[in-house]
Amino acid sequence: MNDSLQVLFLKLDDLVMTEPSRLTLEQQFSLRSFETQVDKMSREQAQEFLVKLYEQMMMRETMYKHFIKHEWGIDSSAA
């Protein structure tokens, strides 16, 4: 595994550890379904998918930060 993937997995592990470790039954089923889909991917497909997934995670984080700033009234454009 190359260094960038190891860093990504460490960041994902950190994210998982900061969230509640219990998944609902529905989430467990969804995760199992996701695992099955990933198992069917080629290595190249899985790597491309992982990069896209990480990009979406960063976009979601940015949106959360924006919404929180707006909700707390610290949004620079609201001033």
Protein backbone atom coordinates (compact mmCIF):
# COMPACT_ATOMS: atom_id res chain seq x y z
CA MET A 1 0.00 0.00 0.00
CA ASN A 2 1.41 3.39 -0.92
CA ASP A 3 1.90 6.20 1.58
CA SER A 4 -1.03 8.32 0.42
CA LEU A 5 -3.46 5.43 0.89
CA GLN A 6 -2.06 4.76 4.35
CA VAL A 7 -2.59 8.42 5.28
CA LEU A 8 -6.14 8.25 3.92
CA PHE A 9 -6.91 5.14 5.93
CA LEU A 10 -5.49 6.75 9.07
CA LYS A 11 -7.73 9.79 8.52
CA LEU A 12 -10.73 7.52 7.97
CA ASP A 13 -9.87 5.58 11.13
CA ASP A 14 -9.69 8.85 13.07
CA LEU A 15 -13.10 9.83 11.71
CA VAL A 16 -14.62 6.50 12.65
CA MET A 17 -13.13 6.63 16.15
CA THR A 18 -14.60 10.06 16.83
CA GLU A 19 -18.09 8.96 15.85
CA PRO A 20 -20.33 6.69 17.91
CA SER A 21 -19.15 3.12 17.33
CA ARG A 22 -22.63 1.65 17.21
CA LEU A 23 -24.40 1.32 13.89
CA THR A 24 -28.10 0.79 13.50
CA LEU A 25 -29.25 -2.45 11.94
CA GLU A 26 -30.06 -0.57 8.75
CA GLN A 27 -26.55 0.95 8.69
CA GLN A 28 -24.98 -2.46 9.27
CA PHE A 29 -26.94 -3.87 6.33
CA SER A 30 -25.94 -0.92 4.16
CA LEU A 31 -22.28 -1.38 5.13
CA ARG A 32 -22.42 -5.09 4.28
CA SER A 33 -23.98 -4.28 0.91
CA PHE A 34 -21.26 -1.70 0.29
CA GLU A 35 -18.56 -4.27 1.14
CA THR A 36 -20.05 -6.66 -1.40
CA GLN A 37 -19.99 -3.97 -4.09
CA VAL A 38 -16.37 -3.08 -3.31
CA ASP A 39 -15.35 -6.74 -3.41
CA LYS A 40 -16.58 -6.88 -7.01
CA MET A 41 -14.46 -3.88 -8.08
CA SER A 42 -11.07 -4.12 -9.71
CA ARG A 43 -8.17 -2.56 -7.84
CA GLU A 44 -8.22 0.44 -10.20
CA GLN A 45 -11.98 0.91 -9.80
CA ALA A 46 -11.65 0.70 -6.01
CA GLN A 47 -8.85 3.28 -5.98
CA GLU A 48 -10.84 5.69 -8.16
CA PHE A 49 -13.90 5.16 -6.00
CA LEU A 50 -11.90 5.78 -2.84
CA VAL A 51 -10.58 9.08 -4.16
CA LYS A 52 -14.12 10.19 -5.13
CA LEU A 53 -15.43 9.13 -1.73
CA TYR A 54 -12.72 11.14 0.03
CA GLU A 55 -13.53 14.15 -2.13
CA GLN A 56 -17.19 13.89 -1.15
CA MET A 57 -16.23 13.63 2.52
CA MET A 58 -14.20 16.83 2.26
CA MET A 59 -17.07 18.60 0.49
CA ARG A 60 -19.48 17.46 3.20
CA GLU A 61 -17.12 18.72 5.88
CA THR A 62 -16.94 22.11 4.14
CA MET A 63 -20.74 22.27 3.94
CA TYR A 64 -21.06 21.41 7.64
CA LYS A 65 -18.57 24.12 8.55
CA HIS A 66 -20.45 26.64 6.41
CA PHE A 67 -23.82 25.72 7.94
CA ILE A 68 -22.45 25.88 11.48
CA LYS A 69 -20.83 29.27 10.88
CA HIS A 70 -24.09 30.56 9.40
CA GLU A 71 -26.18 29.09 12.22
CA TRP A 72 -23.89 30.56 14.89
CA GLY A 73 -23.82 33.93 13.16
CA ILE A 74 -20.10 33.92 12.47
CA ASP A 75 -20.47 33.67 8.71
CA SER A 76 -18.24 36.41 7.23
CA SER A 77 -20.77 37.13 4.46
CA ALA A 78 -23.52 37.77 7.04
CA ALA A 79 -21.65 40.73 8.54
